[in-house]
Amino acid sequence: MSRDRHRARAARLAAREAERDRRRRRSRRQAPWRRVRRRLRAGLRAPARRLGRRRPDIGRRPLRQRAGIAALFVAVQGAVWLLTPSWALRWLALLVGLLALPAAVVLVLDRRVR
């Protein structure tokens, strides 16, 4: 009985050593690709998120400035709607106004040093 246990143990140890060798060979074979994958993943990682709530820039402006921006936008759109007979041009003016408003506000009212 002792011989059988000894043979079984030797077989287990041999199988374990063969598996360990196979893993070492595979690890050596994949090592160069590991570096490449690590570099690629480092470039794809998402940037660190800021803590806190992010607000649009218009919310940080004084109340009078925000009211002036809104009043001017509504006045310009009202004039366009009164003076333009075509519905397509009215909607186009509204769309262009909505898209251009943030850029115009930053260009005209921005207080940062350029």
PDB file of N, CA and C in Angstrom:
ATOM      1  N   MET A   1       0.824  -1.192   0.000  1.00  0.00           N
ATOM      2  CA  MET A   1       0.000   0.000   0.000  1.00  0.00           C
ATOM      3  C   MET A   1       0.864   1.248   0.000  1.00  0.00           C
ATOM      4  N   SER A   2       1.961   1.188   0.690  1.00  0.00           N
ATOM      5  CA  SER A   2       2.849   2.332   0.781  1.00  0.00           C
ATOM      6  C   SER A   2       3.439   2.684  -0.581  1.00  0.00           C
ATOM      7  N   ARG A   3       3.742   1.644  -1.370  1.00  0.00           N
ATOM      8  CA  ARG A   3       4.297   1.886  -2.704  1.00  0.00           C
ATOM      9  C   ARG A   3       3.278   2.600  -3.597  1.00  0.00           C
ATOM     10  N   ASP A   4       2.021   2.205  -3.491  1.00  0.00           N
ATOM     11  CA  ASP A   4       0.974   2.840  -4.297  1.00  0.00           C
ATOM     12  C   ASP A   4       0.828   4.319  -3.942  1.00  0.00           C
ATOM     13  N   ARG A   5       0.817   4.610  -2.659  1.00  0.00           N
ATOM     14  CA  ARG A   5       0.722   6.017  -2.238  1.00  0.00           C
ATOM     15  C   ARG A   5       1.932   6.804  -2.720  1.00  0.00           C
ATOM     16  N   HIS A   6       3.112   6.175  -2.640  1.00  0.00           N
ATOM     17  CA  HIS A   6       4.337   6.843  -3.074  1.00  0.00           C
ATOM     18  C   HIS A   6       4.281   7.135  -4.573  1.00  0.00           C
ATOM     19  N   ARG A   7       3.812   6.182  -5.356  1.00  0.00           N
ATOM     20  CA  ARG A   7       3.690   6.384  -6.814  1.00  0.00           C
ATOM     21  C   ARG A   7       2.661   7.481  -7.121  1.00  0.00           C
ATOM     22  N   ALA A   8       1.551   7.449  -6.442  1.00  0.00           N
ATOM     23  CA  ALA A   8       0.506   8.461  -6.674  1.00  0.00           C
ATOM     24  C   ALA A   8       1.020   9.854  -6.325  1.00  0.00           C
ATOM     25  N   ARG A   9       1.736   9.927  -5.204  1.00  0.00           N
ATOM     26  CA  ARG A   9       2.297  11.233  -4.801  1.00  0.00           C
ATOM     27  C   ARG A   9       3.329  11.709  -5.816  1.00  0.00           C
ATOM     28  N   ALA A  10       4.176  10.810  -6.288  1.00  0.00           N
ATOM     29  CA  ALA A  10       5.179  11.174  -7.295  1.00  0.00           C
ATOM     30  C   ALA A  10       4.496  11.636  -8.580  1.00  0.00           C
ATOM     31  N   ALA A  11       3.420  10.973  -8.970  1.00  0.00           N
ATOM     32  CA  ALA A  11       2.687  11.371 -10.177  1.00  0.00           C
ATOM     33  C   ALA A  11       2.070  12.761 -10.000  1.00  0.00           C
ATOM     34  N   ARG A  12       1.495  13.006  -8.803  1.00  0.00           N
ATOM     35  CA  ARG A  12       0.919  14.345  -8.543  1.00  0.00           C
ATOM     36  C   ARG A  12       1.994  15.411  -8.596  1.00  0.00           C
ATOM     37  N   LEU A  13       3.143  15.147  -7.979  1.00  0.00           N
ATOM     38  CA  LEU A  13       4.234  16.125  -7.990  1.00  0.00           C
ATOM     39  C   LEU A  13       4.752  16.363  -9.404  1.00  0.00           C
ATOM     40  N   ALA A  14       4.859  15.314 -10.199  1.00  0.00           N
ATOM     41  CA  ALA A  14       5.312  15.454 -11.583  1.00  0.00           C
ATOM     42  C   ALA A  14       4.310  16.285 -12.394  1.00  0.00           C
ATOM     43  N   ALA A  15       3.018  16.029 -12.196  1.00  0.00           N
ATOM     44  CA  ALA A  15       1.988  16.787 -12.910  1.00  0.00           C
ATOM     45  C   ALA A  15       2.012  18.263 -12.488  1.00  0.00           C
ATOM     46  N   ARG A  16       2.193  18.486 -11.202  1.00  0.00           N
ATOM     47  CA  ARG A  16       2.263  19.851 -10.696  1.00  0.00           C
ATOM     48  C   ARG A  16       3.480  20.587 -11.277  1.00  0.00           C
ATOM     49  N   GLU A  17       4.621  19.903 -11.357  1.00  0.00           N
ATOM     50  CA  GLU A  17       5.839  20.510 -11.907  1.00  0.00           C
ATOM     51  C   GLU A  17       5.682  20.788 -13.402  1.00  0.00           C
ATOM     52  N   ALA A  18       5.037  19.862 -14.113  1.00  0.00           N
ATOM     53  CA  ALA A  18       4.802  20.074 -15.550  1.00  0.00           C
ATOM     54  C   ALA A  18       3.894  21.285 -15.772  1.00  0.00           C
ATOM     55  N   GLU A  19       2.847  21.406 -14.958  1.00  0.00           N
ATOM     56  CA  GLU A  19       1.946  22.572 -15.068  1.00  0.00           C
ATOM     57  C   GLU A  19       2.695  23.867 -14.765  1.00  0.00           C
ATOM     58  N   ARG A  20       3.541  23.851 -13.745  1.00  0.00           N
ATOM     59  CA  ARG A  20       4.337  25.027 -13.384  1.00  0.00           C
ATOM     60  C   ARG A  20       5.266  25.420 -14.535  1.00  0.00           C
ATOM     61  N   ASP A  21       5.909  24.446 -15.179  1.00  0.00           N
ATOM     62  CA  ASP A  21       6.783  24.735 -16.323  1.00  0.00           C
ATOM     63  C   ASP A  21       5.995  25.319 -17.490  1.00  0.00           C
ATOM     64  N   ARG A  22       4.816  24.743 -17.751  1.00  0.00           N
ATOM     65  CA  ARG A  22       3.976  25.251 -18.829  1.00  0.00           C
ATOM     66  C   ARG A  22       3.580  26.707 -18.576  1.00  0.00           C
ATOM     67  N   ARG A  23       3.228  27.021 -17.341  1.00  0.00           N
ATOM     68  CA  ARG A  23       2.863  28.407 -17.001  1.00  0.00           C
ATOM     69  C   ARG A  23       4.049  29.351 -17.145  1.00  0.00           C
ATOM     70  N   ARG A  24       5.244  28.913 -16.739  1.00  0.00           N
ATOM     71  CA  ARG A  24       6.437  29.749 -16.884  1.00  0.00           C
ATOM     72  C   ARG A  24       6.724  30.044 -18.356  1.00  0.00           C
ATOM     73  N   ARG A  25       6.640  29.022 -19.210  1.00  0.00           N
ATOM     74  CA  ARG A  25       6.885  29.233 -20.642  1.00  0.00           C
ATOM     75  C   ARG A  25       5.864  30.203 -21.240  1.00  0.00           C
ATOM     76  N   ARG A  26       4.614  30.022 -20.879  1.00  0.00           N
ATOM     77  CA  ARG A  26       3.574  30.917 -21.394  1.00  0.00           C
ATOM     78  C   ARG A  26       3.785  32.339 -20.889  1.00  0.00           C
ATOM     79  N   SER A  27       4.168  32.492 -19.637  1.00  0.00           N
ATOM     80  CA  SER A  27       4.409  33.812 -19.074  1.00  0.00           C
ATOM     81  C   SER A  27       5.571  34.506 -19.786  1.00  0.00           C
ATOM     82  N   ARG A  28       6.656  33.748 -20.055  1.00  0.00           N
ATOM     83  CA  ARG A  28       7.798  34.332 -20.774  1.00  0.00           C
ATOM     84  C   ARG A  28       7.411  34.718 -22.188  1.00  0.00           C
ATOM     85  N   ARG A  29       6.580  33.899 -22.823  1.00  0.00           N
ATOM     86  CA  ARG A  29       6.144  34.174 -24.185  1.00  0.00           C
ATOM     87  C   ARG A  29       5.252  35.422 -24.243  1.00  0.00           C
ATOM     88  N   GLN A  30       4.432  35.648 -23.228  1.00  0.00           N
ATOM     89  CA  GLN A  30       3.485  36.766 -23.228  1.00  0.00           C
ATOM     90  C   GLN A  30       4.044  38.029 -22.597  1.00  0.00           C
ATOM     91  N   ALA A  31       5.224  37.984 -22.020  1.00  0.00           N
ATOM     92  CA  ALA A  31       5.775  39.148 -21.310  1.00  0.00           C
ATOM     93  C   ALA A  31       5.889  40.385 -22.189  1.00  0.00           C
ATOM     94  N   PRO A  32       6.413  40.310 -23.430  1.00  0.00           N
ATOM     95  CA  PRO A  32       6.500  41.530 -24.244  1.00  0.00           C
ATOM     96  C   PRO A  32       5.125  42.135 -24.523  1.00  0.00           C
ATOM     97  N   TRP A  33       4.130  41.278 -24.737  1.00  0.00           N
ATOM     98  CA  TRP A  33       2.786  41.782 -25.021  1.00  0.00           C
ATOM     99  C   TRP A  33       2.154  42.400 -23.789  1.00  0.00           C
ATOM    100  N   ARG A  34       2.536  41.918 -22.611  1.00  0.00           N
ATOM    101  CA  ARG A  34       2.011  42.502 -21.388  1.00  0.00           C
ATOM    102  C   ARG A  34       2.376  43.968 -21.292  1.00  0.00           C
ATOM    103  N   ARG A  35       3.634  44.282 -21.646  1.00  0.00           N
ATOM    104  CA  ARG A  35       4.065  45.684 -21.603  1.00  0.00           C
ATOM    105  C   ARG A  35       3.261  46.523 -22.586  1.00  0.00           C
ATOM    106  N   VAL A  36       3.049  46.004 -23.790  1.00  0.00           N
ATOM    107  CA  VAL A  36       2.291  46.745 -24.803  1.00  0.00           C
ATOM    108  C   VAL A  36       0.860  46.974 -24.330  1.00  0.00           C
ATOM    109  N   ARG A  37       0.215  45.921 -23.801  1.00  0.00           N
ATOM    110  CA  ARG A  37      -1.158  46.066 -23.310  1.00  0.00           C
ATOM    111  C   ARG A  37      -1.241  47.056 -22.163  1.00  0.00           C
ATOM    112  N   ARG A  38      -0.255  47.040 -21.273  1.00  0.00           N
ATOM    113  CA  ARG A  38      -0.257  47.960 -20.137  1.00  0.00           C
ATOM    114  C   ARG A  38      -0.175  49.404 -20.626  1.00  0.00           C
ATOM    115  N   ARG A  39       0.683  49.648 -21.627  1.00  0.00           N
ATOM    116  CA  ARG A  39       0.794  51.012 -22.175  1.00  0.00           C
ATOM    117  C   ARG A  39      -0.504  51.447 -22.841  1.00  0.00           C
ATOM    118  N   LEU A  40      -1.126  50.534 -23.592  1.00  0.00           N
ATOM    119  CA  LEU A  40      -2.384  50.871 -24.253  1.00  0.00           C
ATOM    120  C   LEU A  40      -3.486  51.157 -23.243  1.00  0.00           C
ATOM    121  N   ARG A  41      -3.569  50.331 -22.211  1.00  0.00           N
ATOM    122  CA  ARG A  41      -4.602  50.546 -21.193  1.00  0.00           C
ATOM    123  C   ARG A  41      -4.375  51.845 -20.438  1.00  0.00           C
ATOM    124  N   ALA A  42      -3.113  52.207 -20.212  1.00  0.00           N
ATOM    125  CA  ALA A  42      -2.832  53.448 -19.497  1.00  0.00           C
ATOM    126  C   ALA A  42      -3.350  54.636 -20.289  1.00  0.00           C
ATOM    127  N   GLY A  43      -3.279  54.566 -21.619  1.00  0.00           N
ATOM    128  CA  GLY A  43      -3.785  55.653 -22.445  1.00  0.00           C
ATOM    129  C   GLY A  43      -5.295  55.693 -22.502  1.00  0.00           C
ATOM    130  N   LEU A  44      -5.954  54.554 -22.256  1.00  0.00           N
ATOM    131  CA  LEU A  44      -7.412  54.501 -22.350  1.00  0.00           C
ATOM    132  C   LEU A  44      -8.116  54.756 -21.028  1.00  0.00           C
ATOM    133  N   ARG A  45      -7.368  54.799 -19.951  1.00  0.00           N
ATOM    134  CA  ARG A  45      -8.014  55.000 -18.655  1.00  0.00           C
ATOM    135  C   ARG A  45      -8.705  56.354 -18.606  1.00  0.00           C
ATOM    136  N   ALA A  46      -9.836  56.371 -17.966  1.00  0.00           N
ATOM    137  CA  ALA A  46     -10.585  57.614 -17.838  1.00  0.00           C
ATOM    138  C   ALA A  46      -9.848  58.564 -16.900  1.00  0.00           C
ATOM    139  N   PRO A  47      -9.870  59.851 -17.227  1.00  0.00           N
ATOM    140  CA  PRO A  47      -9.224  60.799 -16.317  1.00  0.00           C
ATOM    141  C   PRO A  47      -9.942  60.838 -14.974  1.00  0.00           C
ATOM    142  N   ALA A  48      -9.233  61.245 -13.968  1.00  0.00           N
ATOM    143  CA  ALA A  48      -9.813  61.308 -12.631  1.00  0.00           C
ATOM    144  C   ALA A  48     -10.971  62.297 -12.616  1.00  0.00           C
ATOM    145  N   ARG A  49     -12.044  61.901 -12.029  1.00  0.00           N
ATOM    146  CA  ARG A  49     -13.219  62.779 -11.991  1.00  0.00           C
ATOM    147  C   ARG A  49     -13.082  63.779 -10.858  1.00  0.00           C
ATOM    148  N   ARG A  50     -13.597  64.942 -11.123  1.00  0.00           N
ATOM    149  CA  ARG A  50     -13.605  65.968 -10.080  1.00  0.00           C
ATOM    150  C   ARG A  50     -14.707  65.664  -9.090  1.00  0.00           C
ATOM    151  N   LEU A  51     -14.439  65.968  -7.857  1.00  0.00           N
ATOM    152  CA  LEU A  51     -15.475  65.802  -6.852  1.00  0.00           C
ATOM    153  C   LEU A  51     -16.350  67.038  -6.849  1.00  0.00           C
ATOM    154  N   GLY A  52     -17.569  66.868  -6.478  1.00  0.00           N
ATOM    155  CA  GLY A  52     -18.473  68.009  -6.416  1.00  0.00           C
ATOM    156  C   GLY A  52     -19.330  68.091  -7.661  1.00  0.00           C
ATOM    157  N   ARG A  53     -20.169  69.075  -7.679  1.00  0.00           N
ATOM    158  CA  ARG A  53     -21.130  69.230  -8.759  1.00  0.00           C
ATOM    159  C   ARG A  53     -20.579  70.177  -9.809  1.00  0.00           C
ATOM    160  N   ARG A  54     -20.656  69.784 -11.044  1.00  0.00           N
ATOM    161  CA  ARG A  54     -20.196  70.651 -12.130  1.00  0.00           C
ATOM    162  C   ARG A  54     -21.388  71.446 -12.648  1.00  0.00           C
ATOM    163  N   ARG A  55     -21.221  72.740 -12.724  1.00  0.00           N
ATOM    164  CA  ARG A  55     -22.295  73.598 -13.201  1.00  0.00           C
ATOM    165  C   ARG A  55     -21.858  74.301 -14.476  1.00  0.00           C
ATOM    166  N   PRO A  56     -22.801  74.658 -15.325  1.00  0.00           N
ATOM    167  CA  PRO A  56     -22.420  75.447 -16.490  1.00  0.00           C
ATOM    168  C   PRO A  56     -21.965  76.833 -16.061  1.00  0.00           C
ATOM    169  N   ASP A  57     -21.189  77.469 -16.908  1.00  0.00           N
ATOM    170  CA  ASP A  57     -20.594  78.758 -16.575  1.00  0.00           C
ATOM    171  C   ASP A  57     -21.653  79.847 -16.381  1.00  0.00           C
ATOM    172  N   ILE A  58     -22.789  79.716 -17.043  1.00  0.00           N
ATOM    173  CA  ILE A  58     -23.790  80.785 -16.944  1.00  0.00           C
ATOM    174  C   ILE A  58     -24.365  80.879 -15.530  1.00  0.00           C
ATOM    175  N   GLY A  59     -24.341  79.800 -14.777  1.00  0.00           N
ATOM    176  CA  GLY A  59     -24.844  79.839 -13.409  1.00  0.00           C
ATOM    177  C   GLY A  59     -23.952  80.596 -12.452  1.00  0.00           C
ATOM    178  N   ARG A  60     -22.718  80.834 -12.809  1.00  0.00           N
ATOM    179  CA  ARG A  60     -21.790  81.558 -11.951  1.00  0.00           C
ATOM    180  C   ARG A  60     -21.815  83.063 -12.198  1.00  0.00           C
ATOM    181  N   ARG A  61     -22.543  83.487 -13.177  1.00  0.00           N
ATOM    182  CA  ARG A  61     -22.612  84.921 -13.484  1.00  0.00           C
ATOM    183  C   ARG A  61     -23.607  85.602 -12.546  1.00  0.00           C
ATOM    184  N   PRO A  62     -23.421  86.897 -12.332  1.00  0.00           N
ATOM    185  CA  PRO A  62     -24.372  87.632 -11.477  1.00  0.00           C
ATOM    186  C   PRO A  62     -25.781  87.608 -12.068  1.00  0.00           C
ATOM    187  N   LEU A  63     -26.765  87.807 -11.196  1.00  0.00           N
ATOM    188  CA  LEU A  63     -28.164  87.747 -11.613  1.00  0.00           C
ATOM    189  C   LEU A  63     -28.475  88.787 -12.696  1.00  0.00           C
ATOM    190  N   ARG A  64     -27.983  89.981 -12.549  1.00  0.00           N
ATOM    191  CA  ARG A  64     -28.250  91.019 -13.558  1.00  0.00           C
ATOM    192  C   ARG A  64     -27.690  90.633 -14.918  1.00  0.00           C
ATOM    193  N   GLN A  65     -26.491  90.038 -14.906  1.00  0.00           N
ATOM    194  CA  GLN A  65     -25.874  89.640 -16.169  1.00  0.00           C
ATOM    195  C   GLN A  65     -26.693  88.533 -16.824  1.00  0.00           C
ATOM    196  N   ARG A  66     -27.124  87.557 -16.047  1.00  0.00           N
ATOM    197  CA  ARG A  66     -27.945  86.487 -16.598  1.00  0.00           C
ATOM    198  C   ARG A  66     -29.267  87.015 -17.132  1.00  0.00           C
ATOM    199  N   ALA A  67     -29.876  87.927 -16.404  1.00  0.00           N
ATOM    200  CA  ALA A  67     -31.142  88.520 -16.858  1.00  0.00           C
ATOM    201  C   ALA A  67     -30.927  89.320 -18.144  1.00  0.00           C
ATOM    202  N   GLY A  68     -29.814  90.033 -18.228  1.00  0.00           N
ATOM    203  CA  GLY A  68     -29.509  90.793 -19.444  1.00  0.00           C
ATOM    204  C   GLY A  68     -29.295  89.893 -20.647  1.00  0.00           C
ATOM    205  N   ILE A  69     -28.598  88.796 -20.435  1.00  0.00           N
ATOM    206  CA  ILE A  69     -28.370  87.840 -21.526  1.00  0.00           C
ATOM    207  C   ILE A  69     -29.702  87.292 -22.024  1.00  0.00           C
ATOM    208  N   ALA A  70     -30.560  86.878 -21.094  1.00  0.00           N
ATOM    209  CA  ALA A  70     -31.866  86.317 -21.475  1.00  0.00           C
ATOM    210  C   ALA A  70     -32.733  87.369 -22.163  1.00  0.00           C
ATOM    211  N   ALA A  71     -32.755  88.591 -21.634  1.00  0.00           N
ATOM    212  CA  ALA A  71     -33.586  89.647 -22.229  1.00  0.00           C
ATOM    213  C   ALA A  71     -33.111  89.981 -23.640  1.00  0.00           C
ATOM    214  N   LEU A  72     -31.800  90.065 -23.825  1.00  0.00           N
ATOM    215  CA  LEU A  72     -31.261  90.373 -25.152  1.00  0.00           C
ATOM    216  C   LEU A  72     -31.587  89.255 -26.144  1.00  0.00           C
ATOM    217  N   PHE A  73     -31.465  88.005 -25.701  1.00  0.00           N
ATOM    218  CA  PHE A  73     -31.774  86.871 -26.579  1.00  0.00           C
ATOM    219  C   PHE A  73     -33.250  86.899 -26.986  1.00  0.00           C
ATOM    220  N   VAL A  74     -34.125  87.111 -26.009  1.00  0.00           N
ATOM    221  CA  VAL A  74     -35.566  87.137 -26.311  1.00  0.00           C
ATOM    222  C   VAL A  74     -35.902  88.314 -27.225  1.00  0.00           C
ATOM    223  N   ALA A  75     -35.268  89.469 -27.008  1.00  0.00           N
ATOM    224  CA  ALA A  75     -35.535  90.639 -27.856  1.00  0.00           C
ATOM    225  C   ALA A  75     -35.089  90.384 -29.298  1.00  0.00           C
ATOM    226  N   VAL A  76     -33.915  89.803 -29.466  1.00  0.00           N
ATOM    227  CA  VAL A  76     -33.425  89.520 -30.820  1.00  0.00           C
ATOM    228  C   VAL A  76     -34.321  88.489 -31.504  1.00  0.00           C
ATOM    229  N   GLN A  77     -34.701  87.459 -30.776  1.00  0.00           N
ATOM    230  CA  GLN A  77     -35.567  86.448 -31.372  1.00  0.00           C
ATOM    231  C   GLN A  77     -36.945  87.021 -31.692  1.00  0.00           C
ATOM    232  N   GLY A  78     -37.462  87.875 -30.843  1.00  0.00           N
ATOM    233  CA  GLY A  78     -38.749  88.518 -31.121  1.00  0.00           C
ATOM    234  C   GLY A  78     -38.690  89.377 -32.374  1.00  0.00           C
ATOM    235  N   ALA A  79     -37.595  90.137 -32.517  1.00  0.00           N
ATOM    236  CA  ALA A  79     -37.443  90.959 -33.719  1.00  0.00           C
ATOM    237  C   ALA A  79     -37.353  90.084 -34.970  1.00  0.00           C
ATOM    238  N   VAL A  80     -36.610  89.002 -34.884  1.00  0.00           N
ATOM    239  CA  VAL A  80     -36.492  88.099 -36.040  1.00  0.00           C
ATOM    240  C   VAL A  80     -37.864  87.520 -36.375  1.00  0.00           C
ATOM    241  N   TRP A  81     -38.631  87.103 -35.379  1.00  0.00           N
ATOM    242  CA  TRP A  81     -39.933  86.509 -35.630  1.00  0.00           C
ATOM    243  C   TRP A  81     -40.933  87.528 -36.176  1.00  0.00           C
ATOM    244  N   LEU A  82     -40.794  88.789 -35.760  1.00  0.00           N
ATOM    245  CA  LEU A  82     -41.716  89.805 -36.278  1.00  0.00           C
ATOM    246  C   LEU A  82     -41.354  90.249 -37.689  1.00  0.00           C
ATOM    247  N   LEU A  83     -40.082  90.295 -38.002  1.00  0.00           N
ATOM    248  CA  LEU A  83     -39.640  90.844 -39.284  1.00  0.00           C
ATOM    249  C   LEU A  83     -39.457  89.789 -40.378  1.00  0.00           C
ATOM    250  N   THR A  84     -39.462  88.514 -40.021  1.00  0.00           N
ATOM    251  CA  THR A  84     -39.226  87.465 -41.013  1.00  0.00           C
ATOM    252  C   THR A  84     -40.533  86.732 -41.295  1.00  0.00           C
ATOM    253  N   PRO A  85     -40.955  86.693 -42.562  1.00  0.00           N
ATOM    254  CA  PRO A  85     -42.220  86.026 -42.878  1.00  0.00           C
ATOM    255  C   PRO A  85     -42.098  84.493 -42.970  1.00  0.00           C
ATOM    256  N   SER A  86     -40.919  83.971 -43.250  1.00  0.00           N
ATOM    257  CA  SER A  86     -40.754  82.533 -43.473  1.00  0.00           C
ATOM    258  C   SER A  86     -40.567  81.795 -42.145  1.00  0.00           C
ATOM    259  N   TRP A  87     -41.353  80.729 -41.983  1.00  0.00           N
ATOM    260  CA  TRP A  87     -41.238  79.932 -40.765  1.00  0.00           C
ATOM    261  C   TRP A  87     -39.894  79.206 -40.698  1.00  0.00           C
ATOM    262  N   ALA A  88     -39.402  78.785 -41.832  1.00  0.00           N
ATOM    263  CA  ALA A  88     -38.116  78.084 -41.860  1.00  0.00           C
ATOM    264  C   ALA A  88     -36.991  78.997 -41.372  1.00  0.00           C
ATOM    265  N   LEU A  89     -37.017  80.264 -41.819  1.00  0.00           N
ATOM    266  CA  LEU A  89     -35.993  81.210 -41.379  1.00  0.00           C
ATOM    267  C   LEU A  89     -36.131  81.533 -39.891  1.00  0.00           C
ATOM    268  N   ARG A  90     -37.347  81.594 -39.403  1.00  0.00           N
ATOM    269  CA  ARG A  90     -37.560  81.845 -37.969  1.00  0.00           C
ATOM    270  C   ARG A  90     -36.943  80.719 -37.126  1.00  0.00           C
ATOM    271  N   TRP A  91     -37.246  79.482 -37.500  1.00  0.00           N
ATOM    272  CA  TRP A  91     -36.714  78.343 -36.751  1.00  0.00           C
ATOM    273  C   TRP A  91     -35.195  78.245 -36.892  1.00  0.00           C
ATOM    274  N   LEU A  92     -34.689  78.579 -38.073  1.00  0.00           N
ATOM    275  CA  LEU A  92     -33.246  78.577 -38.282  1.00  0.00           C
ATOM    276  C   LEU A  92     -32.571  79.639 -37.413  1.00  0.00           C
ATOM    277  N   ALA A  93     -33.194  80.816 -37.332  1.00  0.00           N
ATOM    278  CA  ALA A  93     -32.641  81.877 -36.486  1.00  0.00           C
ATOM    279  C   ALA A  93     -32.650  81.464 -35.016  1.00  0.00           C
ATOM    280  N   LEU A  94     -33.702  80.798 -34.590  1.00  0.00           N
ATOM    281  CA  LEU A  94     -33.769  80.317 -33.210  1.00  0.00           C
ATOM    282  C   LEU A  94     -32.677  79.283 -32.935  1.00  0.00           C
ATOM    283  N   LEU A  95     -32.499  78.357 -33.854  1.00  0.00           N
ATOM    284  CA  LEU A  95     -31.469  77.320 -33.689  1.00  0.00           C
ATOM    285  C   LEU A  95     -30.064  77.927 -33.667  1.00  0.00           C
ATOM    286  N   VAL A  96     -29.801  78.820 -34.603  1.00  0.00           N
ATOM    287  CA  VAL A  96     -28.482  79.469 -34.649  1.00  0.00           C
ATOM    288  C   VAL A  96     -28.264  80.304 -33.395  1.00  0.00           C
ATOM    289  N   GLY A  97     -29.307  80.972 -32.942  1.00  0.00           N
ATOM    290  CA  GLY A  97     -29.191  81.765 -31.722  1.00  0.00           C
ATOM    291  C   GLY A  97     -28.877  80.910 -30.501  1.00  0.00           C
ATOM    292  N   LEU A  98     -29.554  79.778 -30.386  1.00  0.00           N
ATOM    293  CA  LEU A  98     -29.300  78.887 -29.253  1.00  0.00           C
ATOM    294  C   LEU A  98     -27.890  78.294 -29.292  1.00  0.00           C
ATOM    295  N   LEU A  99     -27.407  78.018 -30.489  1.00  0.00           N
ATOM    296  CA  LEU A  99     -26.059  77.461 -30.607  1.00  0.00           C
ATOM    297  C   LEU A  99     -24.976  78.523 -30.405  1.00  0.00           C
ATOM    298  N   ALA A 100     -25.242  79.743 -30.834  1.00  0.00           N
ATOM    299  CA  ALA A 100     -24.233  80.794 -30.764  1.00  0.00           C
ATOM    300  C   ALA A 100     -24.234  81.530 -29.421  1.00  0.00           C
ATOM    301  N   LEU A 101     -25.311  81.429 -28.666  1.00  0.00           N
ATOM    302  CA  LEU A 101     -25.411  82.176 -27.407  1.00  0.00           C
ATOM    303  C   LEU A 101     -24.282  81.870 -26.427  1.00  0.00           C
ATOM    304  N   PRO A 102     -23.956  80.626 -26.127  1.00  0.00           N
ATOM    305  CA  PRO A 102     -22.874  80.375 -25.168  1.00  0.00           C
ATOM    306  C   PRO A 102     -21.528  80.934 -25.625  1.00  0.00           C
ATOM    307  N   ALA A 103     -21.222  80.791 -26.909  1.00  0.00           N
ATOM    308  CA  ALA A 103     -19.947  81.316 -27.412  1.00  0.00           C
ATOM    309  C   ALA A 103     -19.926  82.837 -27.343  1.00  0.00           C
ATOM    310  N   ALA A 104     -21.035  83.478 -27.691  1.00  0.00           N
ATOM    311  CA  ALA A 104     -21.087  84.942 -27.643  1.00  0.00           C
ATOM    312  C   ALA A 104     -20.958  85.444 -26.212  1.00  0.00           C
ATOM    313  N   VAL A 105     -21.578  84.774 -25.274  1.00  0.00           N
ATOM    314  CA  VAL A 105     -21.487  85.182 -23.868  1.00  0.00           C
ATOM    315  C   VAL A 105     -20.047  85.095 -23.382  1.00  0.00           C
ATOM    316  N   VAL A 106     -19.367  84.010 -23.724  1.00  0.00           N
ATOM    317  CA  VAL A 106     -17.978  83.851 -23.285  1.00  0.00           C
ATOM    318  C   VAL A 106     -17.102  84.905 -23.947  1.00  0.00           C
ATOM    319  N   LEU A 107     -17.298  85.147 -25.220  1.00  0.00           N
ATOM    320  CA  LEU A 107     -16.453  86.123 -25.930  1.00  0.00           C
ATOM    321  C   LEU A 107     -16.692  87.552 -25.448  1.00  0.00           C
ATOM    322  N   VAL A 108     -17.926  87.901 -25.157  1.00  0.00           N
ATOM    323  CA  VAL A 108     -18.250  89.286 -24.805  1.00  0.00           C
ATOM    324  C   VAL A 108     -18.107  89.544 -23.304  1.00  0.00           C
ATOM    325  N   LEU A 109     -18.560  88.629 -22.481  1.00  0.00           N
ATOM    326  CA  LEU A 109     -18.649  88.902 -21.049  1.00  0.00           C
ATOM    327  C   LEU A 109     -17.621  88.157 -20.180  1.00  0.00           C
ATOM    328  N   ASP A 110     -16.711  87.438 -20.785  1.00  0.00           N
ATOM    329  CA  ASP A 110     -15.753  86.680 -19.983  1.00  0.00           C
ATOM    330  C   ASP A 110     -14.795  87.623 -19.270  1.00  0.00           C
ATOM    331  N   ARG A 111     -14.571  87.364 -17.974  1.00  0.00           N
ATOM    332  CA  ARG A 111     -13.726  88.240 -17.169  1.00  0.00           C
ATOM    333  C   ARG A 111     -12.302  87.723 -17.033  1.00  0.00           C
ATOM    334  N   ARG A 112     -12.030  86.558 -17.515  1.00  0.00           N
ATOM    335  CA  ARG A 112     -10.679  86.000 -17.383  1.00  0.00           C
ATOM    336  C   ARG A 112      -9.710  86.749 -18.269  1.00  0.00           C
ATOM    337  N   VAL A 113      -8.444  86.745 -17.850  1.00  0.00           N
ATOM    338  CA  VAL A 113      -7.408  87.407 -18.640  1.00  0.00           C
ATOM    339  C   VAL A 113      -7.070  86.519 -19.819  1.00  0.00           C
ATOM    340  N   ARG A 114      -7.054  87.104 -20.996  1.00  0.00           N
ATOM    341  CA  ARG A 114      -6.760  86.310 -22.211  1.00  0.00           C
ATOM    342  C   ARG A 114      -5.323  86.408 -22.565  1.00  0.00           C
TER     343      ARG A 114
END
